Protein backbone atom coordinates (compact mmCIF):
# COMPACT_ATOMS: atom_id res chain seq x y z
CA GLN A 1 87.11 17.75 -46.46
CA VAL A 2 89.77 20.38 -45.50
CA GLN A 3 90.67 19.51 -41.59
CA LEU A 4 93.30 20.79 -39.36
CA VAL A 5 93.36 18.91 -35.85
CA GLU A 6 97.11 19.97 -33.77
CA SER A 7 98.11 18.55 -30.97
CA GLY A 8 101.75 19.21 -28.41
CA GLY A 9 100.24 21.77 -26.77
CA GLY A 10 100.99 21.77 -22.67
CA LEU A 11 102.00 23.12 -19.14
CA VAL A 12 105.50 24.36 -19.31
CA GLN A 13 107.72 26.40 -17.50
CA PRO A 14 109.35 29.37 -18.17
CA GLY A 15 112.33 28.81 -20.83
CA GLY A 16 111.27 25.70 -21.66
CA SER A 17 110.32 24.10 -25.12
CA LEU A 18 107.37 21.93 -26.82
CA ARG A 19 106.62 21.55 -30.48
CA LEU A 20 103.13 21.68 -31.33
CA SER A 21 101.82 19.39 -34.88
CA CYS A 22 98.71 19.75 -37.14
CA ALA A 23 97.90 17.16 -38.80
CA ALA A 24 96.07 17.47 -42.71
CA SER A 25 94.02 16.46 -44.64
CA GLY A 26 91.40 17.16 -47.42
CA PHE A 27 93.57 19.22 -50.12
CA THR A 28 96.50 18.68 -50.94
CA PHE A 29 99.37 19.73 -48.18
CA SER A 30 102.25 20.35 -50.27
CA MET A 31 101.16 23.33 -52.63
CA TYR A 32 99.90 25.28 -49.51
CA ALA A 33 100.56 27.58 -47.59
CA MET A 34 100.37 26.59 -43.93
CA SER A 35 100.58 29.45 -41.49
CA TRP A 36 100.00 29.20 -36.97
CA TYR A 37 98.38 31.57 -34.90
CA ARG A 38 98.02 32.11 -31.73
CA GLN A 39 95.53 33.73 -29.30
CA ALA A 40 95.84 34.64 -25.89
CA PRO A 41 93.28 35.52 -23.52
CA GLY A 42 91.72 39.23 -23.27
CA LYS A 43 93.23 39.48 -27.00
CA GLU A 44 93.07 39.25 -31.03
CA ARG A 45 94.59 35.94 -32.92
CA GLU A 46 97.98 36.95 -34.39
CA LEU A 47 100.00 35.70 -36.40
CA VAL A 48 102.89 33.41 -35.15
CA ALA A 49 104.79 32.37 -37.99
CA SER A 50 103.96 31.08 -41.59
CA ILE A 51 105.76 28.40 -44.27
CA THR A 52 105.88 28.07 -48.11
CA SER A 53 107.11 24.77 -49.72
CA THR A 54 110.85 26.27 -48.32
CA SER A 55 110.99 28.90 -46.08
CA GLY A 56 109.57 30.11 -42.99
CA THR A 57 108.80 33.17 -42.27
CA TYR A 58 108.14 34.70 -38.38
CA ALA A 59 106.88 37.02 -36.14
CA ASP A 60 108.82 39.35 -33.98
CA SER A 61 108.31 38.18 -30.99
CA VAL A 62 109.12 35.24 -31.81
CA LYS A 63 111.84 35.08 -34.34
CA GLY A 64 115.05 33.34 -32.85
CA ARG A 65 113.29 30.71 -30.65
CA PHE A 66 110.63 29.45 -32.54
CA THR A 67 110.81 27.69 -35.39
CA ILE A 68 108.00 26.08 -38.48
CA ALA A 69 108.63 23.48 -40.32
CA ARG A 70 106.95 21.03 -42.38
CA ASP A 71 106.56 16.98 -43.63
CA ASN A 72 104.72 17.16 -46.38
CA ALA A 73 104.84 13.45 -46.54
CA LYS A 74 102.91 12.78 -43.25
CA ASN A 75 100.54 15.96 -44.47
CA THR A 76 102.36 17.87 -41.26
CA VAL A 77 103.34 21.56 -39.99
CA TYR A 78 104.96 21.69 -37.56
CA LEU A 79 105.96 24.33 -34.42
CA GLN A 80 108.88 23.76 -32.78
CA MET A 81 109.15 26.37 -29.57
CA ASN A 82 112.37 27.19 -26.76
CA SER A 83 113.08 28.92 -24.96
CA LEU A 84 109.15 30.00 -24.06
CA LYS A 85 107.95 32.60 -21.83
CA PRO A 86 105.30 33.07 -20.02
CA GLU A 87 103.76 36.22 -22.78
CA ASP A 88 103.74 32.86 -24.59
CA THR A 89 100.54 31.39 -22.74
CA ALA A 90 98.04 30.90 -25.35
CA VAL A 91 95.55 28.86 -28.02
CA TYR A 92 97.66 27.93 -31.03
CA TYR A 93 95.61 27.52 -34.04
CA CYS A 94 97.10 26.10 -37.34
CA LYS A 95 94.66 27.84 -40.79
CA VAL A 96 95.65 27.32 -44.77
CA ASP A 97 94.04 29.22 -46.94
CA TYR A 98 92.38 26.69 -49.27
CA ARG A 99 90.71 27.66 -52.97
CA THR A 100 88.74 30.74 -51.49
CA ARG A 101 88.24 30.20 -47.56
CA SER A 102 90.03 29.78 -44.33
CA TYR A 103 90.60 26.57 -42.89
CA TRP A 104 91.32 26.85 -38.80
CA GLY A 105 91.98 23.63 -36.59
CA GLN A 106 90.50 23.92 -33.41
CA GLY A 107 93.72 24.81 -31.10
CA THR A 108 96.07 23.54 -28.80
CA GLN A 109 96.59 25.73 -25.47
CA VAL A 110 99.96 26.64 -24.46
CA THR A 111 100.52 27.04 -20.32
CA VAL A 112 104.13 29.04 -19.41
CA SER A 113 104.41 29.41 -16.16
CA SER A 114 105.93 28.26 -12.85
């Protein structure tokens, strides 16, 4: 079955960097677009970035600071986050739309604080 496992979250100071990973299994990874979402306390889950086979798209709030990438040989999608701000604090999830439904990972907490 489809499984998504995120890792790489943690506590970082403003201006710092983190790289999140999402390991995927249960489907032909290279054939599907992958996305990162985040959900801050008291807010709705929002799309951060998506990647197809070749190109990524970004929310305006992270454009120029975050980079999404994928390694099809490792069935893994990454989110490189630079110049982090306190407002980036959230639980980050990866997602794939496979066949008729969406699959989500369990999430990884990112906290940006001094």
